[in-house]
Protein backbone atom coordinates (compact mmCIF):
# COMPACT_ATOMS: atom_id res chain seq x y z
CA MET A 1 45.29 -6.83 20.31
CA ASP A 2 46.41 -6.15 23.89
CA GLN A 3 47.62 -2.77 25.14
CA ASP A 4 51.33 -3.57 24.83
CA GLU A 5 50.88 -4.66 21.23
CA LEU A 6 48.81 -1.56 20.53
CA VAL A 7 51.41 0.80 22.02
CA ALA A 8 54.10 -0.87 19.93
CA ARG A 9 51.90 -0.68 16.83
CA LEU A 10 51.38 3.05 17.35
CA GLY A 11 55.09 3.56 17.88
CA ARG A 12 55.86 1.96 14.54
CA GLY A 13 53.22 4.12 12.92
CA ARG A 14 54.84 7.23 14.34
CA ASP A 15 58.29 6.19 13.14
CA ASP A 16 57.00 5.33 9.67
CA GLY A 17 55.03 8.56 9.28
CA GLU A 18 51.87 6.54 8.75
CA VAL A 19 48.96 8.38 7.11
CA HIS A 20 46.23 5.71 7.26
CA LEU A 21 45.69 3.70 10.45
CA ASP A 22 43.07 0.94 10.58
CA LEU A 23 42.39 -0.50 14.03
CA SER A 24 38.79 -1.47 13.36
CA GLY A 25 37.34 -4.63 14.86
CA GLU A 26 40.24 -5.26 17.26
CA ALA A 27 38.13 -5.49 20.46
CA LEU A 28 39.90 -2.42 21.85
CA THR A 29 38.59 -0.96 25.10
CA THR A 30 40.96 2.03 25.26
CA LEU A 31 43.39 3.96 23.09
CA PRO A 32 46.75 4.75 24.70
CA PRO A 33 47.97 8.35 24.93
CA ASN A 34 50.69 7.78 22.34
CA ILE A 35 47.96 7.80 19.66
CA GLY A 36 48.65 11.54 19.72
CA ASP A 37 52.18 10.96 18.40
CA LEU A 38 50.93 9.95 14.94
CA THR A 39 50.72 13.52 13.74
CA THR A 40 51.04 12.52 10.09
CA LEU A 41 47.75 10.60 10.13
CA THR A 42 45.09 11.75 7.69
CA ARG A 43 42.70 8.82 8.24
CA LEU A 44 41.96 6.92 11.45
CA ASP A 45 39.55 3.99 11.69
CA VAL A 46 38.79 2.56 15.13
CA GLY A 47 35.24 1.47 14.36
CA GLY A 48 33.78 -1.76 15.68
CA ASN A 49 35.60 -1.79 19.01
CA HIS A 50 34.51 -1.37 22.65
CA LEU A 51 35.77 2.13 23.29
CA THR A 52 33.94 4.10 25.97
CA ALA A 53 36.14 7.20 25.74
CA LEU A 54 38.93 8.76 23.68
CA PRO A 55 42.17 10.08 25.16
CA PRO A 56 42.66 13.87 25.13
CA GLU A 57 45.69 13.31 22.91
CA ILE A 58 43.36 12.56 20.01
CA GLY A 59 43.29 16.31 19.54
CA GLU A 60 46.95 16.27 18.45
CA LEU A 61 46.06 14.54 15.16
CA THR A 62 45.57 17.85 13.40
CA ASN A 63 46.15 16.45 9.91
CA LEU A 64 43.19 14.07 10.12
CA THR A 65 40.65 14.47 7.36
CA GLU A 66 38.63 11.33 8.16
CA MET A 67 37.93 9.67 11.52
CA ASP A 68 35.74 6.60 11.91
CA LEU A 69 34.48 5.90 15.43
CA ARG A 70 31.38 3.94 14.51
CA ASN A 71 30.10 0.98 16.53
CA ASN A 72 31.73 1.71 19.87
CA GLN A 73 30.31 2.69 23.25
CA LEU A 74 31.31 6.34 23.41
CA THR A 75 29.25 8.56 25.69
CA ALA A 76 31.19 11.77 25.01
CA LEU A 77 34.13 13.19 23.05
CA PRO A 78 37.11 15.02 24.55
CA THR A 79 37.16 18.79 24.18
CA GLY A 80 40.31 18.48 22.11
CA ILE A 81 38.16 17.26 19.22
CA ARG A 82 37.75 20.92 18.25
CA LYS A 83 41.46 21.04 17.32
CA LEU A 84 40.94 18.66 14.39
CA ALA A 85 40.41 21.58 12.04
CA ASN A 86 41.06 19.57 8.86
CA LEU A 87 38.40 16.91 9.47
CA SER A 88 36.02 16.56 6.56
CA HIS A 89 34.44 13.20 7.48
CA LEU A 90 33.47 12.21 11.03
CA TYR A 91 31.65 8.95 11.67
CA LEU A 92 30.09 8.46 15.12
CA SER A 93 27.15 6.18 14.32
CA THR A 94 26.06 3.51 16.79
CA ASN A 95 27.52 4.84 20.00
CA LEU A 96 25.91 6.01 23.26
CA LEU A 97 26.05 9.76 22.81
CA ALA A 98 23.20 11.45 24.65
CA ALA A 99 24.35 15.00 23.94
CA PHE A 100 25.71 16.53 20.77
CA PRO A 101 29.49 16.93 21.32
CA SER A 102 29.97 20.70 21.34
CA GLY A 103 33.45 20.66 19.85
CA ILE A 104 32.11 19.26 16.60
CA CYS A 105 30.50 22.59 15.74
CA GLU A 106 33.96 24.16 15.43
CA LEU A 107 35.04 21.73 12.69
CA SER A 108 34.21 24.08 9.85
CA LYS A 109 35.61 21.81 7.11
CA LEU A 110 33.25 18.95 7.86
CA THR A 111 31.40 17.78 4.77
CA GLU A 112 29.96 14.56 6.24
CA LEU A 113 28.81 13.95 9.82
CA ARG A 114 27.24 10.67 10.88
CA LEU A 115 25.61 10.52 14.30
CA ASN A 116 22.82 8.07 13.53
CA ASN A 117 21.87 5.44 16.11
CA ASN A 118 22.85 7.33 19.26
CA ARG A 119 20.72 8.84 22.04
CA LEU A 120 20.63 12.49 21.03
CA THR A 121 17.61 14.46 22.21
CA ALA A 122 18.51 17.87 20.78
CA LEU A 123 20.86 19.70 18.42
CA PRO A 124 22.71 22.84 19.52
CA PRO A 125 22.14 26.13 17.68
CA GLU A 126 25.84 26.08 16.81
CA ILE A 127 25.22 23.29 14.33
CA GLY A 128 24.47 26.08 11.89
CA GLU A 129 28.21 26.85 11.80
CA LEU A 130 28.89 23.66 9.82
CA THR A 131 28.12 25.37 6.55
CA ASN A 132 30.21 22.98 4.42
CA LEU A 133 28.20 19.92 5.40
CA ALA A 134 26.90 17.98 2.43
CA GLY A 135 25.70 14.98 4.42
CA LEU A 136 24.14 15.02 7.90
CA TYR A 137 22.96 11.69 9.27
CA LEU A 138 20.94 11.85 12.49
CA SER A 139 18.55 8.93 12.16
CA SER A 140 17.62 6.63 15.05
CA ASN A 141 18.05 9.13 17.86
CA GLN A 142 15.47 10.76 20.14
CA LEU A 143 15.25 14.20 18.55
CA THR A 144 11.97 16.02 19.17
CA ALA A 145 12.77 19.25 17.30
CA LEU A 146 15.30 20.89 15.00
CA PRO A 147 16.81 24.29 15.78
CA PRO A 148 16.09 27.13 13.31
CA GLU A 149 19.83 27.26 12.64
CA ILE A 150 19.47 24.06 10.63
CA GLY A 151 18.57 26.41 7.78
CA LYS A 152 22.17 27.68 7.63
CA LEU A 153 23.40 24.34 6.27
CA ILE A 154 22.82 25.49 2.72
CA ASN A 155 25.23 22.98 1.16
CA LEU A 156 23.41 19.92 2.48
CA ASN A 157 22.59 17.30 -0.12
CA ASN A 158 21.55 14.46 2.20
CA LEU A 159 19.66 14.78 5.49
CA TRP A 160 18.66 11.69 7.45
CA LEU A 161 16.20 12.28 10.28
CA PHE A 162 14.21 9.06 10.28
CA ASN A 163 13.47 7.09 13.46
CA ASN A 164 13.28 10.11 15.74
CA LYS A 165 10.44 11.83 17.61
CA LEU A 166 10.05 14.98 15.54
CA THR A 167 6.60 16.56 15.75
CA ALA A 168 7.29 19.49 13.42
CA LEU A 169 9.89 20.98 11.10
CA PRO A 170 11.03 24.59 11.41
CA PRO A 171 10.21 26.96 8.53
CA GLU A 172 13.96 27.36 8.03
CA ILE A 173 14.03 23.88 6.51
CA GLY A 174 13.07 25.66 3.30
CA LYS A 175 16.51 27.29 3.13
CA LEU A 176 18.20 23.97 2.35
CA ILE A 177 17.88 24.64 -1.34
CA ASN A 178 20.60 22.17 -2.37
CA LEU A 179 18.99 19.23 -0.59
CA ASN A 180 18.55 16.15 -2.78
CA ASN A 181 17.49 13.50 -0.26
CA LEU A 182 15.34 14.05 2.83
CA TRP A 183 14.49 11.07 5.03
CA LEU A 184 11.82 11.72 7.68
CA PHE A 185 10.03 8.41 8.08
CA ASN A 186 9.12 7.04 11.52
CA ASN A 187 8.62 10.36 13.29
CA GLN A 188 5.53 12.05 14.74
CA LEU A 189 5.02 14.80 12.19
CA THR A 190 1.46 16.06 11.90
CA ALA A 191 2.11 18.61 9.15
CA LEU A 192 4.81 20.06 6.90
CA PRO A 193 5.64 23.77 6.80
CA PRO A 194 4.69 25.59 3.57
CA GLU A 195 8.41 26.29 3.08
CA ILE A 196 8.93 22.64 2.15
CA GLY A 197 7.99 23.73 -1.36
CA LYS A 198 11.25 25.68 -1.64
CA LEU A 199 13.31 22.49 -1.70
CA THR A 200 13.14 22.36 -5.46
CA ASN A 201 16.25 20.22 -5.85
CA LEU A 202 14.79 17.32 -3.86
CA THR A 203 14.76 14.06 -5.74
CA TYR A 204 13.88 11.78 -2.79
CA LEU A 205 11.42 12.54 0.03
CA ASP A 206 10.40 9.88 2.54
CA LEU A 207 7.63 10.75 5.02
CA ARG A 208 6.32 7.29 5.83
CA ASN A 209 4.89 6.44 9.21
CA ASN A 210 4.07 9.88 10.53
CA GLN A 211 0.73 11.40 11.53
CA MET A 212 0.06 13.81 8.70
CA THR A 213 -3.53 14.50 7.72
CA ALA A 214 -2.75 16.74 4.74
CA LEU A 215 0.12 17.96 2.56
CA PRO A 216 0.77 21.64 1.87
CA PRO A 217 0.03 22.84 -1.69
CA GLY A 218 3.73 23.63 -2.02
CA ILE A 219 4.46 19.94 -2.40
CA GLY A 220 3.64 20.51 -6.06
CA GLU A 221 6.69 22.78 -6.37
CA LEU A 222 9.10 19.90 -5.86
CA ILE A 223 9.35 19.34 -9.57
CA ASN A 224 12.56 17.30 -9.45
CA LEU A 225 11.18 14.62 -7.14
CA ALA A 226 11.73 11.13 -8.46
CA GLU A 227 10.55 9.27 -5.35
CA LEU A 228 7.88 10.34 -2.85
CA TYR A 229 6.83 8.04 -0.02
CA LEU A 230 3.82 8.95 2.14
CA SER A 231 2.64 5.57 3.40
CA ASP A 232 1.36 5.03 6.95
CA ASN A 233 -0.06 8.49 7.53
CA LEU A 234 -3.62 9.84 7.92
CA LEU A 235 -3.98 11.51 4.52
CA THR A 236 -7.53 11.79 3.21
CA ALA A 237 -6.53 13.41 -0.08
CA LEU A 238 -3.53 14.31 -2.20
CA PRO A 239 -3.12 17.94 -3.26
CA ILE A 240 -3.94 18.76 -6.86
CA GLY A 241 -0.39 20.04 -7.27
CA ILE A 242 0.84 16.45 -7.23
CA ARG A 243 0.19 16.50 -10.98
CA ASN A 244 3.18 18.84 -11.39
CA LEU A 245 5.66 16.20 -10.21
CA THR A 246 6.20 14.86 -13.69
CA ASP A 247 9.62 13.36 -12.87
CA LEU A 248 8.13 11.02 -10.25
CA ALA A 249 9.09 7.41 -10.80
CA HIS A 250 7.69 6.05 -7.50
CA LEU A 251 4.76 7.31 -5.45
CA GLY A 252 3.92 5.43 -2.26
CA VAL A 253 0.69 6.28 -0.40
CA ARG A 254 -0.15 2.96 1.25
CA LYS A 255 -2.07 2.82 4.52
CA ASN A 256 -3.75 6.21 4.40
CA GLN A 257 -7.41 7.20 4.11
CA LEU A 258 -7.65 8.29 0.49
CA THR A 259 -11.13 8.07 -0.97
CA ALA A 260 -10.18 9.30 -4.45
CA LEU A 261 -7.19 10.26 -6.57
CA PRO A 262 -6.74 13.92 -7.48
CA PRO A 263 -7.37 15.28 -10.99
CA GLY A 264 -4.33 15.23 -13.20
CA MET A 265 -2.85 11.97 -11.95
CA GLY A 266 -2.56 10.86 -15.53
CA GLU A 267 0.08 13.52 -16.11
CA LEU A 268 2.62 11.59 -14.03
CA THR A 269 3.75 9.77 -17.13
CA ASN A 270 7.13 8.75 -15.73
CA LEU A 271 5.66 6.75 -12.86
CA ALA A 272 7.01 3.23 -12.73
CA GLY A 273 5.58 2.32 -9.31
CA LEU A 274 2.28 3.45 -7.77
CA TYR A 275 1.54 2.07 -4.32
CA LEU A 276 -2.05 2.70 -3.11
CA SER A 277 -2.87 -0.34 -0.98
CA ASP A 278 -4.85 0.00 2.25
CA ASN A 279 -6.88 3.10 1.44
CA LEU A 280 -10.59 3.76 0.90
CA LEU A 281 -10.63 4.11 -2.88
CA THR A 282 -13.95 3.24 -4.49
CA GLU A 283 -12.93 3.88 -8.08
CA LEU A 284 -10.03 4.75 -10.35
CA PRO A 285 -10.26 7.74 -12.68
CA PRO A 286 -10.11 7.04 -16.42
CA GLU A 287 -6.93 9.10 -16.62
CA ILE A 288 -5.15 6.27 -14.83
CA GLY A 289 -4.58 5.03 -18.36
CA GLY A 290 -2.14 7.88 -18.93
CA LEU A 291 0.42 6.24 -16.65
CA THR A 292 1.82 4.28 -19.53
CA ASN A 293 5.21 3.60 -17.93
CA LEU A 294 3.81 1.91 -14.84
CA THR A 295 5.34 -1.45 -14.08
CA TYR A 296 4.07 -1.88 -10.48
CA LEU A 297 0.53 -1.04 -9.37
CA TYR A 298 -0.61 -1.90 -5.85
CA LEU A 299 -4.32 -1.43 -5.15
CA SER A 300 -5.04 -4.11 -2.57
CA ASP A 301 -7.28 -3.49 0.44
CA ASN A 302 -9.45 -0.74 -1.02
CA LYS A 303 -13.14 -0.63 -1.88
CA LEU A 304 -12.97 -0.84 -5.67
CA THR A 305 -16.07 -2.27 -7.31
CA ALA A 306 -14.92 -1.92 -10.91
CA LEU A 307 -11.92 -1.00 -13.05
CA PRO A 308 -12.07 1.56 -15.86
CA PRO A 309 -11.47 0.27 -19.41
CA GLU A 310 -8.43 2.56 -19.53
CA ILE A 311 -6.62 0.11 -17.26
CA GLY A 312 -5.78 -1.66 -20.48
CA GLU A 313 -3.49 1.20 -21.51
CA LEU A 314 -0.97 0.24 -18.83
CA THR A 315 0.81 -2.11 -21.16
CA HIS A 316 4.13 -2.00 -19.29
CA LEU A 317 2.63 -3.39 -16.09
CA THR A 318 4.39 -6.46 -14.76
CA TYR A 319 2.86 -6.50 -11.26
CA LEU A 320 -0.81 -5.79 -10.45
CA ASP A 321 -2.28 -6.37 -7.00
CA LEU A 322 -6.05 -5.93 -6.70
CA SER A 323 -6.64 -8.27 -3.79
CA ASN A 324 -9.15 -7.49 -1.03
CA ASN A 325 -11.47 -5.23 -2.99
CA GLN A 326 -15.10 -5.58 -4.05
CA LEU A 327 -14.69 -6.22 -7.77
CA THR A 328 -17.62 -7.95 -9.41
CA ALA A 329 -16.22 -7.97 -12.95
CA LEU A 330 -13.08 -7.28 -14.94
CA PRO A 331 -13.13 -5.16 -18.09
CA PRO A 332 -12.23 -6.96 -21.34
CA GLU A 333 -9.30 -4.56 -21.65
CA ILE A 334 -7.51 -6.46 -18.88
CA GLY A 335 -6.33 -8.73 -21.67
CA LYS A 336 -4.13 -5.94 -23.04
CA LEU A 337 -1.77 -6.15 -20.07
CA THR A 338 0.40 -8.64 -21.87
CA ASN A 339 3.54 -7.93 -19.85
CA LEU A 340 1.99 -8.93 -16.53
CA THR A 341 3.88 -11.59 -14.63
CA TYR A 342 1.99 -11.25 -11.33
CA LEU A 343 -1.76 -10.74 -10.94
CA ASP A 344 -3.53 -10.96 -7.59
CA LEU A 345 -7.34 -10.80 -7.67
CA SER A 346 -7.95 -12.72 -4.46
CA ASN A 347 -10.70 -11.75 -2.04
CA ASN A 348 -13.04 -10.05 -4.48
CA ARG A 349 -16.52 -10.96 -5.75
CA LEU A 350 -15.76 -12.13 -9.26
CA PRO A 351 -18.29 -14.63 -10.67
CA GLU A 352 -16.38 -15.08 -13.93
CA LEU A 353 -13.25 -14.09 -15.85
CA PRO A 354 -13.21 -12.40 -19.24
CA PRO A 355 -11.98 -14.55 -22.15
CA GLY A 356 -9.10 -12.11 -22.58
CA ILE A 357 -7.46 -13.44 -19.43
CA GLY A 358 -5.77 -15.95 -21.71
CA GLN A 359 -3.84 -13.17 -23.44
CA LEU A 360 -1.74 -12.58 -20.32
CA ALA A 361 0.76 -15.06 -21.62
CA LYS A 362 3.68 -13.91 -19.42
CA LEU A 363 1.89 -14.53 -16.12
CA THR A 364 3.84 -16.69 -13.71
CA ARG A 365 1.59 -16.17 -10.69
CA LEU A 366 -2.19 -15.80 -10.67
CA ASP A 367 -4.24 -15.64 -7.50
CA LEU A 368 -8.02 -15.93 -7.88
CA SER A 369 -8.81 -17.38 -4.47
CA ASN A 370 -11.80 -16.24 -2.42
CA ASN A 371 -14.05 -15.14 -5.25
CA GLN A 372 -17.32 -16.53 -6.64
CA LEU A 373 -16.02 -18.25 -9.76
CA THR A 374 -18.14 -21.10 -11.06
CA ALA A 375 -16.00 -21.86 -14.11
CA LEU A 376 -12.72 -20.96 -15.78
CA PRO A 377 -12.53 -19.85 -19.42
CA PRO A 378 -10.74 -22.17 -21.85
CA GLY A 379 -8.18 -19.41 -22.37
CA ILE A 380 -6.69 -20.26 -18.98
CA GLY A 381 -4.73 -22.91 -20.84
CA ASP A 382 -2.83 -20.25 -22.76
CA LEU A 383 -1.07 -19.08 -19.60
CA THR A 384 1.72 -21.54 -20.17
CA HIS A 385 4.28 -19.71 -18.03
CA LEU A 386 2.19 -20.03 -14.86
CA THR A 387 4.03 -21.62 -11.96
CA TRP A 388 1.54 -20.65 -9.25
CA LEU A 389 -2.25 -20.78 -9.57
CA GLU A 390 -4.52 -20.11 -6.59
CA LEU A 391 -8.20 -21.00 -7.00
CA GLY A 392 -9.28 -21.91 -3.48
CA ASN A 393 -12.59 -20.80 -1.95
CA ASN A 394 -14.61 -20.41 -5.12
CA GLN A 395 -17.59 -22.33 -6.54
CA LEU A 396 -15.87 -24.27 -9.28
CA THR A 397 -17.66 -27.47 -10.27
CA ALA A 398 -15.18 -28.53 -12.93
CA LEU A 399 -11.83 -27.59 -14.44
CA PRO A 400 -11.55 -26.94 -18.16
CA PRO A 401 -9.56 -29.57 -20.08
CA GLU A 402 -7.14 -26.82 -21.07
CA ILE A 403 -5.82 -26.70 -17.50
CA VAL A 404 -3.43 -29.50 -18.43
CA GLU A 405 -1.58 -27.13 -20.78
CA LEU A 406 -0.10 -25.38 -17.74
CA THR A 407 2.89 -27.68 -17.66
CA GLN A 408 5.10 -25.22 -15.75
CA LEU A 409 2.77 -25.22 -12.73
CA ASN A 410 4.55 -25.79 -9.46
CA ARG A 411 1.62 -25.00 -7.19
CA LEU A 412 -2.08 -25.58 -7.87
CA SER A 413 -4.46 -24.73 -5.05
CA LEU A 414 -8.14 -25.73 -5.36
CA PRO A 415 -9.53 -26.23 -1.82
CA ASN A 416 -13.09 -25.31 -0.85
CA ASN A 417 -14.72 -25.61 -4.26
CA GLN A 418 -17.38 -27.97 -5.59
CA LEU A 419 -15.25 -30.13 -7.85
CA THR A 420 -16.62 -33.59 -8.52
CA ALA A 421 -13.86 -34.78 -10.85
CA LEU A 422 -10.43 -33.84 -12.22
CA PRO A 423 -9.43 -33.92 -15.90
CA PRO A 424 -7.92 -37.31 -16.78
CA ARG A 425 -4.78 -35.67 -18.18
CA MET A 426 -3.89 -34.03 -14.85
CA GLY A 427 -0.94 -36.39 -14.78
CA GLU A 428 0.74 -34.23 -17.44
CA LEU A 429 1.39 -31.47 -14.89
CA THR A 430 4.61 -33.17 -13.90
CA ASN A 431 6.23 -30.05 -12.38
CA LEU A 432 3.62 -29.88 -9.62
CA THR A 433 5.05 -30.04 -6.11
CA TYR A 434 2.02 -28.60 -4.28
CA LEU A 435 -1.54 -29.74 -5.00
CA TYR A 436 -4.37 -28.73 -2.69
CA LEU A 437 -7.77 -30.41 -3.26
CA SER A 438 -9.35 -30.52 0.20
CA ASP A 439 -13.02 -29.68 0.83
CA ASN A 440 -14.38 -30.53 -2.60
CA GLN A 441 -16.80 -33.25 -3.69
CA LEU A 442 -14.27 -35.57 -5.24
CA THR A 443 -15.06 -39.26 -4.87
CA ALA A 444 -12.15 -40.52 -6.95
CA LEU A 445 -8.96 -39.32 -8.59
CA PRO A 446 -7.88 -40.19 -12.13
CA PRO A 447 -5.20 -42.90 -12.24
CA GLU A 448 -2.97 -40.49 -14.15
CA ILE A 449 -2.47 -38.52 -10.93
CA GLY A 450 0.13 -41.12 -10.09
CA ALA A 451 2.43 -39.55 -12.69
CA LEU A 452 2.89 -36.49 -10.47
CA THR A 453 6.02 -37.88 -8.89
CA ASN A 454 7.35 -34.47 -7.81
CA LEU A 455 4.50 -33.84 -5.40
CA THR A 456 5.77 -33.08 -1.92
CA ILE A 457 2.52 -31.72 -0.49
CA TRP A 458 -0.97 -32.60 -1.54
CA THR A 459 -4.15 -32.56 0.40
């Protein structure tokens, strides 16, 4: 839309008493002054253009309640912005703002302010005047600190601060007692203030990828938390108060330095997902069996040498990742996990599998590569839903005849073993598309292998 067309369009809007004007995605570089004539407008959308500035006349649109300026190239706002006293929603994401536009702090009716993905380095103390804000979105800027006045925003429900350069939070953060969602990942936080424990209405707290070495005891006061993400920090322990967070459905603590789980973990009976990969855990406490609603359990890249029998109580598990540990055996109770669809035991030290492995009848993917297996139990043939079976880098000398019962197999990987022959009925695995047999001691293949007409890769 060229400028003449735009001027004419705005003129028609004025004459018609237009209330909603959508000029988004029109490749506009400027707005003409007659935008200020549309005094009946309540909603203006000029997002997704190439605007570098707004005309002063924008301040004449005093009936606006919503203005969308996202995805432009604005470096500042005109002072007249402060005249838009009825604005409740202001969207300024993905622009080039390096300073917080001062006039915004006079818009006392604002309930939602989006300034994410700009170049802000600081917030003015006057931000505390926006006491009706329910949503404040400041992610992907260059903020290094928050002013104490942030604590005046007592109606905030959602606060996005991720992808900044924050090194600390002010104690006044604890005054945001209505906060439900707090996003702080990808900052440089080394600690949380004790006042964090006052945010008792939080349901979602994301602190991933910071530099925290410990959590304050007050974390245990956040009794309404449903999701807590702490991955990619430097935590060596979780506070004992974590046991009080009985509404937690997801707890993520990947890539830390945990050596043990705190007492009382078994009280988190609503947990559906527990993410503990890339830590230094050497064992799991027996009370892990109390997490009877777990469906996802990630324990890869730890130092586990054994699993407690109580692991068998996690009968709702569908996904279990134990790869890259030091397991030398599996407890018989592993067979009770009959809802498992994914089991990864790769890169351990297992010399054998318990017979109960065959009870995991819902498994679709099983990875046993890089262990010390010399044989597979006959029960492997009961895993008739398997589509993916990884057995490479073991010490297998033969496959059990029952392997041919796995007729849903799409991928069978057996490289770097000591196989001297394959079962004659291998040709019955007609769904195979990937078959890896390299680096064994095979001197011949059974003729029936020719029935595997769906193979696209085999080595």
